[in-house]
N, C-alpha and C. Protein backbone atom coordinates (compact mmCIF):
# COMPACT_ATOMS: atom_id res chain seq x y z
N MET A 1 120.24 47.40 -31.87
CA MET A 1 120.27 45.99 -31.61
C MET A 1 119.60 45.69 -30.27
N LEU A 2 119.89 46.53 -29.30
CA LEU A 2 119.33 46.32 -27.97
C LEU A 2 117.80 46.43 -27.99
N SER A 3 117.28 47.41 -28.73
CA SER A 3 115.82 47.56 -28.79
C SER A 3 115.18 46.36 -29.48
N ASN A 4 115.82 45.83 -30.53
CA ASN A 4 115.29 44.65 -31.20
C ASN A 4 115.31 43.43 -30.27
N LEU A 5 116.38 43.30 -29.50
CA LEU A 5 116.47 42.19 -28.54
C LEU A 5 115.38 42.30 -27.48
N ILE A 6 115.17 43.49 -26.95
CA ILE A 6 114.13 43.70 -25.93
C ILE A 6 112.75 43.41 -26.51
N ALA A 7 112.49 43.89 -27.74
CA ALA A 7 111.19 43.64 -28.37
C ALA A 7 110.98 42.14 -28.60
N THR A 8 112.03 41.45 -29.04
CA THR A 8 111.92 40.01 -29.27
C THR A 8 111.62 39.28 -27.96
N LEU A 9 112.35 39.62 -26.92
CA LEU A 9 112.11 38.99 -25.62
C LEU A 9 110.69 39.27 -25.12
N TYR A 10 110.23 40.49 -25.30
CA TYR A 10 108.87 40.85 -24.89
C TYR A 10 107.84 39.96 -25.58
N PHE A 11 107.98 39.80 -26.91
CA PHE A 11 107.00 39.01 -27.64
C PHE A 11 107.11 37.52 -27.34
N VAL A 12 108.31 37.03 -27.10
CA VAL A 12 108.45 35.62 -26.71
C VAL A 12 107.76 35.38 -25.38
N VAL A 13 107.98 36.27 -24.41
CA VAL A 13 107.33 36.15 -23.10
C VAL A 13 105.81 36.26 -23.25
N LEU A 14 105.35 37.20 -24.07
CA LEU A 14 103.92 37.37 -24.30
C LEU A 14 103.30 36.11 -24.91
N ILE A 15 103.94 35.54 -25.90
CA ILE A 15 103.43 34.32 -26.55
C ILE A 15 103.41 33.17 -25.56
N LEU A 16 104.46 33.05 -24.76
CA LEU A 16 104.49 31.97 -23.76
C LEU A 16 103.44 32.19 -22.68
N ALA A 17 103.23 33.41 -22.26
CA ALA A 17 102.25 33.70 -21.20
C ALA A 17 100.82 33.46 -21.68
N LYS A 18 100.55 33.70 -22.94
CA LYS A 18 99.20 33.54 -23.48
C LYS A 18 99.06 32.23 -24.27
N ARG A 19 99.92 31.29 -23.95
CA ARG A 19 99.92 30.00 -24.63
C ARG A 19 98.53 29.37 -24.55
N GLY A 20 98.06 28.88 -25.66
CA GLY A 20 96.75 28.25 -25.70
C GLY A 20 95.63 29.22 -26.05
N LYS A 21 95.85 30.50 -25.85
CA LYS A 21 94.83 31.51 -26.15
C LYS A 21 95.11 32.21 -27.48
N LEU A 22 96.29 31.98 -28.03
CA LEU A 22 96.69 32.62 -29.28
C LEU A 22 96.77 31.60 -30.41
N ALA A 23 96.71 32.09 -31.61
CA ALA A 23 96.90 31.21 -32.77
C ALA A 23 98.39 31.00 -33.02
N LEU A 24 99.25 31.74 -32.32
CA LEU A 24 100.70 31.61 -32.45
C LEU A 24 101.22 30.59 -31.46
N SER A 25 102.29 29.90 -31.85
CA SER A 25 102.92 28.95 -30.96
C SER A 25 104.41 28.90 -31.26
N LEU A 26 105.20 28.69 -30.24
CA LEU A 26 106.64 28.53 -30.41
C LEU A 26 107.03 27.05 -30.45
N ASN A 27 106.06 26.18 -30.42
CA ASN A 27 106.32 24.75 -30.44
C ASN A 27 106.80 24.33 -31.83
N PRO A 28 107.99 23.70 -31.93
CA PRO A 28 108.54 23.32 -33.24
C PRO A 28 107.69 22.35 -34.04
N ARG A 29 106.82 21.59 -33.38
CA ARG A 29 106.02 20.61 -34.13
C ARG A 29 104.99 21.28 -35.03
N TYR A 30 104.69 22.55 -34.78
CA TYR A 30 103.74 23.26 -35.62
C TYR A 30 104.40 23.95 -36.83
N TYR A 31 105.72 23.89 -36.90
CA TYR A 31 106.43 24.52 -38.01
C TYR A 31 106.58 23.52 -39.15
N SER A 32 106.50 24.04 -40.36
CA SER A 32 106.60 23.19 -41.53
C SER A 32 107.37 23.91 -42.62
N VAL A 33 108.13 23.15 -43.37
CA VAL A 33 108.82 23.72 -44.53
C VAL A 33 108.14 23.28 -45.82
N SER A 34 106.94 22.77 -45.68
CA SER A 34 106.20 22.33 -46.87
C SER A 34 105.35 23.48 -47.40
N GLY A 35 104.77 23.26 -48.53
CA GLY A 35 103.85 24.25 -49.10
C GLY A 35 104.52 25.50 -49.62
N GLY A 36 105.81 25.45 -49.87
CA GLY A 36 106.49 26.60 -50.43
C GLY A 36 106.77 27.73 -49.46
N ILE A 37 106.65 27.45 -48.16
CA ILE A 37 106.86 28.50 -47.16
C ILE A 37 108.28 29.07 -47.22
N PRO A 38 109.33 28.24 -47.27
CA PRO A 38 110.68 28.83 -47.35
C PRO A 38 110.86 29.71 -48.60
N LYS A 39 110.28 29.27 -49.71
CA LYS A 39 110.38 30.05 -50.94
C LYS A 39 109.71 31.42 -50.77
N GLU A 40 108.54 31.43 -50.16
CA GLU A 40 107.81 32.68 -49.95
C GLU A 40 108.58 33.61 -49.00
N VAL A 41 109.16 33.03 -47.95
CA VAL A 41 109.93 33.84 -47.00
C VAL A 41 111.13 34.46 -47.70
N LEU A 42 111.82 33.67 -48.51
CA LEU A 42 112.97 34.19 -49.25
C LEU A 42 112.57 35.24 -50.28
N LEU A 43 111.44 35.03 -50.96
CA LEU A 43 110.99 36.01 -51.94
C LEU A 43 110.68 37.36 -51.30
N VAL A 44 110.19 37.33 -50.08
CA VAL A 44 109.85 38.57 -49.38
C VAL A 44 111.09 39.17 -48.71
N GLY A 45 111.89 38.35 -48.05
CA GLY A 45 112.97 38.86 -47.24
C GLY A 45 114.31 39.07 -47.92
N LEU A 46 114.60 38.27 -48.95
CA LEU A 46 115.91 38.34 -49.58
C LEU A 46 116.20 39.69 -50.24
N PRO A 47 115.28 40.27 -51.00
CA PRO A 47 115.57 41.59 -51.59
C PRO A 47 115.88 42.65 -50.54
N SER A 48 115.15 42.65 -49.45
CA SER A 48 115.40 43.61 -48.38
C SER A 48 116.77 43.36 -47.75
N CYS A 49 117.11 42.11 -47.54
CA CYS A 49 118.41 41.75 -46.98
C CYS A 49 119.54 42.22 -47.90
N ILE A 50 119.39 42.00 -49.19
CA ILE A 50 120.42 42.42 -50.16
C ILE A 50 120.56 43.94 -50.17
N MET A 51 119.44 44.65 -50.11
CA MET A 51 119.49 46.12 -50.08
C MET A 51 120.23 46.61 -48.84
N ASN A 52 119.97 46.01 -47.69
CA ASN A 52 120.68 46.39 -46.47
C ASN A 52 122.17 46.09 -46.57
N LEU A 53 122.50 44.93 -47.11
CA LEU A 53 123.91 44.58 -47.27
C LEU A 53 124.62 45.53 -48.23
N MET A 54 123.93 45.93 -49.30
CA MET A 54 124.54 46.88 -50.24
C MET A 54 124.83 48.21 -49.55
N GLY A 55 123.93 48.66 -48.70
CA GLY A 55 124.16 49.90 -47.96
C GLY A 55 125.35 49.78 -47.02
N ILE A 56 125.46 48.64 -46.37
CA ILE A 56 126.59 48.41 -45.46
C ILE A 56 127.91 48.39 -46.22
N PHE A 57 127.95 47.64 -47.33
CA PHE A 57 129.18 47.57 -48.13
C PHE A 57 129.53 48.93 -48.73
N SER A 58 128.52 49.70 -49.09
CA SER A 58 128.74 51.05 -49.60
C SER A 58 129.39 51.92 -48.54
N ASN A 59 128.89 51.86 -47.31
CA ASN A 59 129.48 52.64 -46.22
C ASN A 59 130.90 52.20 -45.90
N ILE A 60 131.13 50.90 -45.90
CA ILE A 60 132.48 50.39 -45.64
C ILE A 60 133.45 50.90 -46.71
N THR A 61 133.05 50.80 -47.97
CA THR A 61 133.90 51.25 -49.07
C THR A 61 134.16 52.75 -48.98
N LEU A 62 133.13 53.52 -48.73
CA LEU A 62 133.30 54.97 -48.61
C LEU A 62 134.25 55.33 -47.47
N ASN A 63 134.08 54.69 -46.32
CA ASN A 63 134.96 54.97 -45.19
C ASN A 63 136.40 54.56 -45.48
N LYS A 64 136.60 53.43 -46.16
CA LYS A 64 137.95 53.00 -46.51
C LYS A 64 138.61 54.01 -47.45
N LEU A 65 137.85 54.57 -48.38
CA LEU A 65 138.39 55.58 -49.29
C LEU A 65 138.67 56.90 -48.57
N LEU A 66 137.79 57.29 -47.66
CA LEU A 66 137.92 58.57 -46.97
C LEU A 66 139.05 58.59 -45.96
N VAL A 67 139.35 57.47 -45.36
CA VAL A 67 140.37 57.43 -44.32
C VAL A 67 141.72 57.89 -44.88
N ASN A 68 141.92 57.80 -46.18
CA ASN A 68 143.17 58.27 -46.80
C ASN A 68 143.26 59.79 -46.82
N TYR A 69 142.14 60.48 -46.68
CA TYR A 69 142.16 61.95 -46.69
C TYR A 69 142.42 62.48 -45.29
N SER A 70 141.45 62.36 -44.42
CA SER A 70 141.63 62.86 -43.05
C SER A 70 140.47 62.40 -42.19
N ASN A 71 140.64 62.55 -40.88
CA ASN A 71 139.55 62.24 -39.96
C ASN A 71 138.40 63.22 -40.16
N ALA A 72 138.74 64.46 -40.51
CA ALA A 72 137.70 65.47 -40.73
C ALA A 72 136.81 65.08 -41.91
N ALA A 73 137.40 64.49 -42.94
CA ALA A 73 136.62 64.05 -44.10
C ALA A 73 135.66 62.93 -43.71
N VAL A 74 136.15 61.97 -42.94
CA VAL A 74 135.29 60.86 -42.49
C VAL A 74 134.17 61.40 -41.62
N ALA A 75 134.49 62.29 -40.68
CA ALA A 75 133.48 62.86 -39.79
C ALA A 75 132.47 63.70 -40.55
N GLY A 76 132.96 64.56 -41.43
CA GLY A 76 132.08 65.45 -42.18
C GLY A 76 131.10 64.70 -43.06
N ILE A 77 131.60 63.73 -43.78
CA ILE A 77 130.72 62.97 -44.66
C ILE A 77 129.82 62.05 -43.85
N GLY A 78 130.31 61.56 -42.73
CA GLY A 78 129.46 60.75 -41.84
C GLY A 78 128.28 61.56 -41.32
N ILE A 79 128.53 62.80 -40.92
CA ILE A 79 127.45 63.67 -40.45
C ILE A 79 126.48 63.96 -41.58
N ALA A 80 127.00 64.26 -42.76
CA ALA A 80 126.14 64.56 -43.91
C ALA A 80 125.25 63.37 -44.26
N LYS A 81 125.83 62.17 -44.19
CA LYS A 81 125.03 60.98 -44.49
C LYS A 81 123.93 60.76 -43.46
N LYS A 82 124.23 61.06 -42.20
CA LYS A 82 123.20 60.91 -41.16
C LYS A 82 122.06 61.89 -41.38
N ILE A 83 122.40 63.13 -41.73
CA ILE A 83 121.37 64.13 -42.01
C ILE A 83 120.54 63.70 -43.22
N ASP A 84 121.23 63.23 -44.24
CA ASP A 84 120.55 62.79 -45.47
C ASP A 84 119.63 61.59 -45.19
N MET A 85 120.07 60.71 -44.31
CA MET A 85 119.28 59.51 -44.02
C MET A 85 118.04 59.80 -43.18
N LEU A 86 117.98 60.94 -42.51
CA LEU A 86 116.84 61.25 -41.67
C LEU A 86 115.55 61.31 -42.49
N ALA A 87 115.56 62.06 -43.59
CA ALA A 87 114.37 62.15 -44.43
C ALA A 87 114.02 60.78 -45.02
N PHE A 88 115.05 60.04 -45.44
CA PHE A 88 114.82 58.71 -45.99
C PHE A 88 114.20 57.80 -44.93
N ALA A 89 114.71 57.86 -43.71
CA ALA A 89 114.21 56.99 -42.65
C ALA A 89 112.74 57.29 -42.33
N ILE A 90 112.38 58.56 -42.33
CA ILE A 90 110.98 58.92 -42.07
C ILE A 90 110.09 58.38 -43.19
N ALA A 91 110.49 58.62 -44.45
CA ALA A 91 109.69 58.14 -45.58
C ALA A 91 109.63 56.62 -45.59
N ASN A 92 110.74 55.96 -45.29
CA ASN A 92 110.77 54.50 -45.25
C ASN A 92 109.88 53.97 -44.12
N GLY A 93 109.91 54.63 -42.97
CA GLY A 93 109.05 54.24 -41.86
C GLY A 93 107.57 54.35 -42.21
N LEU A 94 107.23 55.43 -42.92
CA LEU A 94 105.85 55.60 -43.37
C LEU A 94 105.44 54.46 -44.30
N SER A 95 106.32 54.16 -45.26
CA SER A 95 105.97 53.11 -46.22
C SER A 95 105.88 51.75 -45.56
N GLN A 96 106.78 51.46 -44.62
CA GLN A 96 106.72 50.18 -43.91
C GLN A 96 105.50 50.11 -43.00
N GLY A 97 105.14 51.24 -42.40
CA GLY A 97 104.00 51.27 -41.50
C GLY A 97 102.66 51.10 -42.19
N VAL A 98 102.58 51.52 -43.44
CA VAL A 98 101.31 51.44 -44.16
C VAL A 98 101.09 50.07 -44.82
N ILE A 99 102.13 49.27 -44.89
CA ILE A 99 102.01 47.96 -45.56
C ILE A 99 100.89 47.10 -44.97
N PRO A 100 100.77 46.97 -43.64
CA PRO A 100 99.66 46.16 -43.12
C PRO A 100 98.29 46.73 -43.51
N LEU A 101 98.15 48.04 -43.49
CA LEU A 101 96.88 48.66 -43.87
C LEU A 101 96.54 48.35 -45.33
N ILE A 102 97.54 48.42 -46.18
CA ILE A 102 97.34 48.10 -47.59
C ILE A 102 96.95 46.63 -47.74
N GLY A 103 97.67 45.75 -47.03
CA GLY A 103 97.39 44.32 -47.10
C GLY A 103 96.00 43.96 -46.60
N TYR A 104 95.61 44.55 -45.48
CA TYR A 104 94.29 44.26 -44.92
C TYR A 104 93.18 44.71 -45.88
N ASN A 105 93.33 45.90 -46.43
CA ASN A 105 92.31 46.42 -47.33
C ASN A 105 92.29 45.66 -48.65
N TYR A 106 93.44 45.23 -49.12
CA TYR A 106 93.49 44.43 -50.35
C TYR A 106 92.77 43.11 -50.12
N SER A 107 93.08 42.47 -48.99
CA SER A 107 92.45 41.17 -48.68
C SER A 107 90.95 41.31 -48.50
N ALA A 108 90.51 42.44 -47.96
CA ALA A 108 89.07 42.67 -47.75
C ALA A 108 88.37 43.13 -49.02
N GLY A 109 89.14 43.36 -50.08
CA GLY A 109 88.54 43.82 -51.34
C GLY A 109 88.20 45.30 -51.33
N ASN A 110 88.71 46.03 -50.35
CA ASN A 110 88.43 47.46 -50.24
C ASN A 110 89.53 48.23 -50.98
N THR A 111 89.50 48.16 -52.30
CA THR A 111 90.56 48.79 -53.10
C THR A 111 90.53 50.31 -53.01
N ARG A 112 89.36 50.90 -52.81
CA ARG A 112 89.29 52.35 -52.70
C ARG A 112 90.10 52.83 -51.49
N ARG A 113 89.92 52.18 -50.36
CA ARG A 113 90.65 52.57 -49.15
C ARG A 113 92.14 52.23 -49.29
N MET A 114 92.45 51.11 -49.94
CA MET A 114 93.83 50.71 -50.16
C MET A 114 94.54 51.77 -51.01
N LEU A 115 93.94 52.17 -52.11
CA LEU A 115 94.54 53.18 -52.99
C LEU A 115 94.65 54.53 -52.29
N SER A 116 93.69 54.84 -51.44
CA SER A 116 93.75 56.08 -50.67
C SER A 116 94.94 56.07 -49.71
N ALA A 117 95.17 54.95 -49.06
CA ALA A 117 96.31 54.82 -48.14
C ALA A 117 97.62 54.97 -48.90
N ILE A 118 97.71 54.35 -50.07
CA ILE A 118 98.91 54.45 -50.90
C ILE A 118 99.14 55.90 -51.31
N LYS A 119 98.07 56.56 -51.75
CA LYS A 119 98.17 57.95 -52.22
C LYS A 119 98.62 58.89 -51.09
N VAL A 120 97.99 58.78 -49.93
CA VAL A 120 98.34 59.65 -48.80
C VAL A 120 99.79 59.40 -48.37
N THR A 121 100.20 58.15 -48.30
CA THR A 121 101.57 57.83 -47.90
C THR A 121 102.57 58.36 -48.92
N LEU A 122 102.24 58.23 -50.20
CA LEU A 122 103.12 58.75 -51.24
C LEU A 122 103.27 60.26 -51.13
N ILE A 123 102.17 60.96 -50.92
CA ILE A 123 102.22 62.43 -50.82
C ILE A 123 103.04 62.85 -49.60
N ILE A 124 102.80 62.22 -48.45
CA ILE A 124 103.55 62.58 -47.23
C ILE A 124 105.03 62.25 -47.40
N SER A 125 105.34 61.09 -47.97
CA SER A 125 106.74 60.69 -48.17
C SER A 125 107.44 61.65 -49.12
N LEU A 126 106.78 62.02 -50.19
CA LEU A 126 107.38 62.98 -51.12
C LEU A 126 107.60 64.34 -50.46
N ALA A 127 106.66 64.76 -49.63
CA ALA A 127 106.80 66.04 -48.93
C ALA A 127 107.99 66.00 -47.97
N VAL A 128 108.13 64.91 -47.23
CA VAL A 128 109.23 64.79 -46.26
C VAL A 128 110.57 64.76 -46.99
N THR A 129 110.68 63.97 -48.05
CA THR A 129 111.95 63.88 -48.76
C THR A 129 112.27 65.18 -49.50
N THR A 130 111.27 65.85 -50.02
CA THR A 130 111.49 67.14 -50.67
C THR A 130 111.96 68.17 -49.65
N LEU A 131 111.33 68.20 -48.49
CA LEU A 131 111.75 69.11 -47.44
C LEU A 131 113.19 68.81 -47.02
N GLY A 132 113.51 67.55 -46.90
CA GLY A 132 114.89 67.16 -46.55
C GLY A 132 115.88 67.63 -47.60
N ALA A 133 115.55 67.47 -48.88
CA ALA A 133 116.44 67.92 -49.95
C ALA A 133 116.60 69.44 -49.93
N VAL A 134 115.51 70.16 -49.74
CA VAL A 134 115.56 71.63 -49.68
C VAL A 134 116.44 72.08 -48.51
N LEU A 135 116.27 71.44 -47.35
CA LEU A 135 117.10 71.79 -46.20
C LEU A 135 118.58 71.52 -46.47
N LEU A 136 118.88 70.41 -47.11
CA LEU A 136 120.27 70.11 -47.43
C LEU A 136 120.86 71.12 -48.40
N PHE A 137 120.10 71.50 -49.40
CA PHE A 137 120.63 72.45 -50.39
C PHE A 137 120.74 73.87 -49.84
N THR A 138 119.89 74.24 -48.90
CA THR A 138 119.90 75.62 -48.41
C THR A 138 120.63 75.79 -47.08
N CYS A 139 120.71 74.74 -46.29
CA CYS A 139 121.26 74.88 -44.93
C CYS A 139 122.30 73.82 -44.60
N ALA A 140 123.04 73.32 -45.58
CA ALA A 140 123.99 72.23 -45.33
C ALA A 140 125.04 72.62 -44.28
N GLY A 141 125.62 73.79 -44.42
CA GLY A 141 126.65 74.23 -43.48
C GLY A 141 126.15 74.30 -42.04
N PRO A 142 125.07 75.04 -41.79
CA PRO A 142 124.57 75.12 -40.41
C PRO A 142 124.12 73.75 -39.84
N LEU A 143 123.58 72.90 -40.70
CA LEU A 143 123.16 71.58 -40.22
C LEU A 143 124.37 70.75 -39.77
N VAL A 144 125.43 70.76 -40.56
CA VAL A 144 126.63 70.02 -40.18
C VAL A 144 127.27 70.67 -38.95
N ARG A 145 127.29 72.00 -38.91
CA ARG A 145 127.88 72.73 -37.79
C ARG A 145 127.13 72.45 -36.48
N ALA A 146 125.86 72.09 -36.58
CA ALA A 146 125.09 71.76 -35.37
C ALA A 146 125.65 70.52 -34.68
N PHE A 147 126.35 69.67 -35.43
CA PHE A 147 126.92 68.46 -34.86
C PHE A 147 128.37 68.62 -34.45
N ILE A 148 129.12 69.44 -35.20
CA ILE A 148 130.54 69.64 -34.89
C ILE A 148 130.95 71.01 -35.41
N ASP A 149 131.74 71.70 -34.62
CA ASP A 149 132.13 73.06 -34.99
C ASP A 149 133.61 73.11 -35.40
N ASP A 150 133.98 72.28 -36.34
CA ASP A 150 135.32 72.27 -36.89
C ASP A 150 135.21 72.67 -38.36
N ALA A 151 135.93 73.71 -38.76
CA ALA A 151 135.77 74.28 -40.11
C ALA A 151 136.00 73.26 -41.21
N GLU A 152 137.04 72.45 -41.08
CA GLU A 152 137.36 71.47 -42.12
C GLU A 152 136.26 70.40 -42.21
N THR A 153 135.80 69.94 -41.07
CA THR A 153 134.73 68.94 -41.04
C THR A 153 133.45 69.50 -41.63
N VAL A 154 133.12 70.74 -41.29
CA VAL A 154 131.92 71.39 -41.83
C VAL A 154 132.04 71.54 -43.35
N ARG A 155 133.24 71.87 -43.83
CA ARG A 155 133.45 72.02 -45.28
C ARG A 155 133.21 70.68 -45.99
N TYR A 156 133.79 69.61 -45.48
CA TYR A 156 133.57 68.27 -46.07
C TYR A 156 132.10 67.89 -45.99
N GLY A 157 131.52 68.08 -44.83
CA GLY A 157 130.11 67.70 -44.63
C GLY A 157 129.17 68.49 -45.50
N SER A 158 129.43 69.78 -45.64
CA SER A 158 128.56 70.63 -46.47
C SER A 158 128.64 70.27 -47.93
N SER A 159 129.86 70.02 -48.41
CA SER A 159 129.98 69.69 -49.84
C SER A 159 129.42 68.30 -50.14
N SER A 160 129.56 67.35 -49.21
CA SER A 160 129.00 66.02 -49.48
C SER A 160 127.49 66.01 -49.30
N ALA A 161 126.96 66.87 -48.42
CA ALA A 161 125.51 66.94 -48.25
C ALA A 161 124.87 67.47 -49.52
N LEU A 162 125.53 68.40 -50.17
CA LEU A 162 124.98 68.96 -51.41
C LEU A 162 125.06 67.97 -52.57
N SER A 163 126.02 67.05 -52.51
CA SER A 163 126.14 66.09 -53.61
C SER A 163 125.36 64.81 -53.34
N ALA A 164 124.79 64.67 -52.13
CA ALA A 164 124.02 63.47 -51.79
C ALA A 164 122.72 63.55 -52.47
């Protein structure tokens, strides 16, 4: 949250400092809700928002169920989920990072380069997620133990990492 706040403040200051030299403006008179803009924003942002909310509710539900077992269960599965999310986060970052490149090339009519970017990103993402899965299946115990050296927590974390 702090990094997002700092980035937002940086860009607001940058836009204000370069006022008149940029095509961007923070002046409310330039904003419009006509032309289907709110609909387009919702079409792009709402699915992502719902996916994030589903992940949050899933974690809340899982933690509520686990708290009935033990603190070691909550910790172990929490560690396993963090390890599991690392490969996903890398692949997701790659896919989010390539979107502007795909958009620019699509708009320019350069479909060959656009498809090449999609192909390379797909291959790298698959490699990262496959490597993450292989590491989880072969090294779940040592990976969880790297975060906490409690036998019960490692047992919970190892078994949940294998089922993730």
